[in-house]
Amino acid sequence: MIGTEATPLLDPELPHDASRADDERIVVITRETLLRAKAQIPDA
């Protein structure tokens, strides 16, 4: 994934019932990137 690393900033903002593994990162991508990738992202 190409984007901006935002784990330190956004990790504390995750809902209480959400989590991530130590080897996972939160990455911010542009809307344009998401729309272009949507065809390859499963709905379920």
PDB file of N, CA and C in Angstrom:
ATOM      1  N   MET A   1       0.853  -1.172   0.000  1.00  0.00           N
ATOM      2  CA  MET A   1       0.000   0.000   0.000  1.00  0.00           C
ATOM      3  C   MET A   1       0.895   1.229   0.000  1.00  0.00           C
ATOM      4  N   ILE A   2       0.570   2.158  -0.819  1.00  0.00           N
ATOM      5  CA  ILE A   2       1.291   3.426  -0.847  1.00  0.00           C
ATOM      6  C   ILE A   2       0.431   4.460  -0.140  1.00  0.00           C
ATOM      7  N   GLY A   3       0.985   5.099   0.846  1.00  0.00           N
ATOM      8  CA  GLY A   3       0.251   6.105   1.595  1.00  0.00           C
ATOM      9  C   GLY A   3       1.147   6.714   2.651  1.00  0.00           C
ATOM     10  N   THR A   4       0.524   7.415   3.574  1.00  0.00           N
ATOM     11  CA  THR A   4       1.247   8.090   4.639  1.00  0.00           C
ATOM     12  C   THR A   4       1.075   7.321   5.939  1.00  0.00           C
ATOM     13  N   GLU A   5       2.175   6.916   6.534  1.00  0.00           N
ATOM     14  CA  GLU A   5       2.153   6.210   7.821  1.00  0.00           C
ATOM     15  C   GLU A   5       1.501   7.101   8.879  1.00  0.00           C
ATOM     16  N   ALA A   6       0.481   6.586   9.550  1.00  0.00           N
ATOM     17  CA  ALA A   6      -0.246   7.388  10.543  1.00  0.00           C
ATOM     18  C   ALA A   6      -0.538   6.601  11.813  1.00  0.00           C
ATOM     19  N   THR A   7       0.146   5.488  12.023  1.00  0.00           N
ATOM     20  CA  THR A   7      -0.133   4.642  13.181  1.00  0.00           C
ATOM     21  C   THR A   7      -0.036   5.378  14.508  1.00  0.00           C
ATOM     22  N   PRO A   8       1.045   6.101  14.791  1.00  0.00           N
ATOM     23  CA  PRO A   8       1.138   6.766  16.101  1.00  0.00           C
ATOM     24  C   PRO A   8       0.021   7.785  16.337  1.00  0.00           C
ATOM     25  N   LEU A   9      -0.398   8.434  15.266  1.00  0.00           N
ATOM     26  CA  LEU A   9      -1.431   9.460  15.387  1.00  0.00           C
ATOM     27  C   LEU A   9      -2.831   8.867  15.518  1.00  0.00           C
ATOM     28  N   LEU A  10      -3.132   7.825  14.735  1.00  0.00           N
ATOM     29  CA  LEU A  10      -4.495   7.313  14.667  1.00  0.00           C
ATOM     30  C   LEU A  10      -4.776   6.103  15.554  1.00  0.00           C
ATOM     31  N   ASP A  11      -3.752   5.387  15.976  1.00  0.00           N
ATOM     32  CA  ASP A  11      -3.977   4.209  16.825  1.00  0.00           C
ATOM     33  C   ASP A  11      -4.788   4.532  18.078  1.00  0.00           C
ATOM     34  N   PRO A  12      -4.509   5.624  18.778  1.00  0.00           N
ATOM     35  CA  PRO A  12      -5.309   5.937  19.966  1.00  0.00           C
ATOM     36  C   PRO A  12      -6.767   6.296  19.640  1.00  0.00           C
ATOM     37  N   GLU A  13      -7.048   6.591  18.377  1.00  0.00           N
ATOM     38  CA  GLU A  13      -8.400   6.969  17.963  1.00  0.00           C
ATOM     39  C   GLU A  13      -9.261   5.776  17.559  1.00  0.00           C
ATOM     40  N   LEU A  14      -8.667   4.579  17.484  1.00  0.00           N
ATOM     41  CA  LEU A  14      -9.450   3.402  17.113  1.00  0.00           C
ATOM     42  C   LEU A  14     -10.551   3.166  18.149  1.00  0.00           C
ATOM     43  N   PRO A  15     -11.721   2.686  17.703  1.00  0.00           N
ATOM     44  CA  PRO A  15     -12.783   2.350  18.665  1.00  0.00           C
ATOM     45  C   PRO A  15     -12.301   1.273  19.636  1.00  0.00           C
ATOM     46  N   HIS A  16     -12.921   1.203  20.784  1.00  0.00           N
ATOM     47  CA  HIS A  16     -12.499   0.244  21.816  1.00  0.00           C
ATOM     48  C   HIS A  16     -12.591  -1.201  21.348  1.00  0.00           C
ATOM     49  N   ASP A  17     -13.513  -1.488  20.416  1.00  0.00           N
ATOM     50  CA  ASP A  17     -13.674  -2.869  19.947  1.00  0.00           C
ATOM     51  C   ASP A  17     -12.840  -3.161  18.694  1.00  0.00           C
ATOM     52  N   ALA A  18     -11.953  -2.242  18.328  1.00  0.00           N
ATOM     53  CA  ALA A  18     -11.066  -2.441  17.178  1.00  0.00           C
ATOM     54  C   ALA A  18      -9.628  -2.572  17.666  1.00  0.00           C
ATOM     55  N   SER A  19      -8.851  -3.330  16.920  1.00  0.00           N
ATOM     56  CA  SER A  19      -7.446  -3.486  17.292  1.00  0.00           C
ATOM     57  C   SER A  19      -6.626  -3.768  16.043  1.00  0.00           C
ATOM     58  N   ARG A  20      -5.326  -3.758  16.210  1.00  0.00           N
ATOM     59  CA  ARG A  20      -4.407  -4.113  15.137  1.00  0.00           C
ATOM     60  C   ARG A  20      -3.254  -4.890  15.756  1.00  0.00           C
ATOM     61  N   ALA A  21      -2.636  -5.735  14.972  1.00  0.00           N
ATOM     62  CA  ALA A  21      -1.488  -6.508  15.444  1.00  0.00           C
ATOM     63  C   ALA A  21      -0.247  -5.609  15.467  1.00  0.00           C
ATOM     64  N   ASP A  22       0.755  -6.014  16.207  1.00  0.00           N
ATOM     65  CA  ASP A  22       1.990  -5.228  16.310  1.00  0.00           C
ATOM     66  C   ASP A  22       2.680  -5.025  14.965  1.00  0.00           C
ATOM     67  N   ASP A  23       2.480  -5.975  14.038  1.00  0.00           N
ATOM     68  CA  ASP A  23       3.123  -5.847  12.729  1.00  0.00           C
ATOM     69  C   ASP A  23       2.228  -5.162  11.695  1.00  0.00           C
ATOM     70  N   GLU A  24       1.070  -4.654  12.099  1.00  0.00           N
ATOM     71  CA  GLU A  24       0.173  -3.926  11.208  1.00  0.00           C
ATOM     72  C   GLU A  24       0.322  -2.418  11.420  1.00  0.00           C
ATOM     73  N   ARG A  25       0.121  -1.673  10.368  1.00  0.00           N
ATOM     74  CA  ARG A  25       0.243  -0.221  10.418  1.00  0.00           C
ATOM     75  C   ARG A  25      -1.032   0.418   9.888  1.00  0.00           C
ATOM     76  N   ILE A  26      -1.319   1.624  10.351  1.00  0.00           N
ATOM     77  CA  ILE A  26      -2.416   2.422   9.820  1.00  0.00           C
ATOM     78  C   ILE A  26      -1.818   3.356   8.782  1.00  0.00           C
ATOM     79  N   VAL A  27      -2.349   3.291   7.574  1.00  0.00           N
ATOM     80  CA  VAL A  27      -1.834   4.093   6.472  1.00  0.00           C
ATOM     81  C   VAL A  27      -2.983   4.905   5.885  1.00  0.00           C
ATOM     82  N   VAL A  28      -2.754   6.189   5.680  1.00  0.00           N
ATOM     83  CA  VAL A  28      -3.746   7.074   5.077  1.00  0.00           C
ATOM     84  C   VAL A  28      -3.464   7.151   3.582  1.00  0.00           C
ATOM     85  N   ILE A  29      -4.522   6.913   2.789  1.00  0.00           N
ATOM     86  CA  ILE A  29      -4.397   7.009   1.338  1.00  0.00           C
ATOM     87  C   ILE A  29      -5.372   8.064   0.830  1.00  0.00           C
ATOM     88  N   THR A  30      -5.121   8.558  -0.355  1.00  0.00           N
ATOM     89  CA  THR A  30      -6.019   9.552  -0.937  1.00  0.00           C
ATOM     90  C   THR A  30      -7.302   8.880  -1.412  1.00  0.00           C
ATOM     91  N   ARG A  31      -8.338   9.669  -1.538  1.00  0.00           N
ATOM     92  CA  ARG A  31      -9.615   9.155  -2.046  1.00  0.00           C
ATOM     93  C   ARG A  31      -9.428   8.611  -3.466  1.00  0.00           C
ATOM     94  N   GLU A  32      -8.635   9.304  -4.262  1.00  0.00           N
ATOM     95  CA  GLU A  32      -8.379   8.863  -5.630  1.00  0.00           C
ATOM     96  C   GLU A  32      -7.745   7.472  -5.654  1.00  0.00           C
ATOM     97  N   THR A  33      -6.790   7.233  -4.765  1.00  0.00           N
ATOM     98  CA  THR A  33      -6.162   5.916  -4.687  1.00  0.00           C
ATOM     99  C   THR A  33      -7.179   4.851  -4.314  1.00  0.00           C
ATOM    100  N   LEU A  34      -8.025   5.142  -3.348  1.00  0.00           N
ATOM    101  CA  LEU A  34      -9.050   4.188  -2.939  1.00  0.00           C
ATOM    102  C   LEU A  34     -10.013   3.889  -4.076  1.00  0.00           C
ATOM    103  N   LEU A  35     -10.473   4.907  -4.782  1.00  0.00           N
ATOM    104  CA  LEU A  35     -11.416   4.689  -5.882  1.00  0.00           C
ATOM    105  C   LEU A  35     -10.788   3.861  -6.997  1.00  0.00           C
ATOM    106  N   ARG A  36      -9.528   4.098  -7.281  1.00  0.00           N
ATOM    107  CA  ARG A  36      -8.854   3.310  -8.325  1.00  0.00           C
ATOM    108  C   ARG A  36      -8.662   1.856  -7.898  1.00  0.00           C
ATOM    109  N   ALA A  37      -8.474   1.628  -6.609  1.00  0.00           N
ATOM    110  CA  ALA A  37      -8.246   0.271  -6.104  1.00  0.00           C
ATOM    111  C   ALA A  37      -9.537  -0.483  -5.821  1.00  0.00           C
ATOM    112  N   LYS A  38     -10.667   0.208  -5.762  1.00  0.00           N
ATOM    113  CA  LYS A  38     -11.938  -0.396  -5.347  1.00  0.00           C
ATOM    114  C   LYS A  38     -12.283  -1.654  -6.130  1.00  0.00           C
ATOM    115  N   ALA A  39     -12.015  -1.687  -7.395  1.00  0.00           N
ATOM    116  CA  ALA A  39     -12.342  -2.865  -8.211  1.00  0.00           C
ATOM    117  C   ALA A  39     -11.607  -4.113  -7.741  1.00  0.00           C
ATOM    118  N   GLN A  40     -10.495  -3.938  -7.029  1.00  0.00           N
ATOM    119  CA  GLN A  40      -9.710  -5.085  -6.576  1.00  0.00           C
ATOM    120  C   GLN A  40      -9.894  -5.399  -5.094  1.00  0.00           C
ATOM    121  N   ILE A  41     -10.798  -4.657  -4.429  1.00  0.00           N
ATOM    122  CA  ILE A  41     -11.075  -4.876  -3.006  1.00  0.00           C
ATOM    123  C   ILE A  41     -12.377  -5.664  -2.885  1.00  0.00           C
ATOM    124  N   PRO A  42     -12.349  -6.842  -2.258  1.00  0.00           N
ATOM    125  CA  PRO A  42     -13.577  -7.626  -2.106  1.00  0.00           C
ATOM    126  C   PRO A  42     -14.628  -6.890  -1.271  1.00  0.00           C
ATOM    127  N   ASP A  43     -15.901  -7.091  -1.602  1.00  0.00           N
ATOM    128  CA  ASP A  43     -16.991  -6.470  -0.854  1.00  0.00           C
ATOM    129  C   ASP A  43     -17.229  -7.150   0.491  1.00  0.00           C
ATOM    130  N   ALA A  44     -16.951  -8.418   0.578  1.00  0.00           N
ATOM    131  CA  ALA A  44     -17.240  -9.152   1.828  1.00  0.00           C
ATOM    132  C   ALA A  44     -16.016  -9.426   2.639  1.00  0.00           C
TER     133      ALA A  44
END
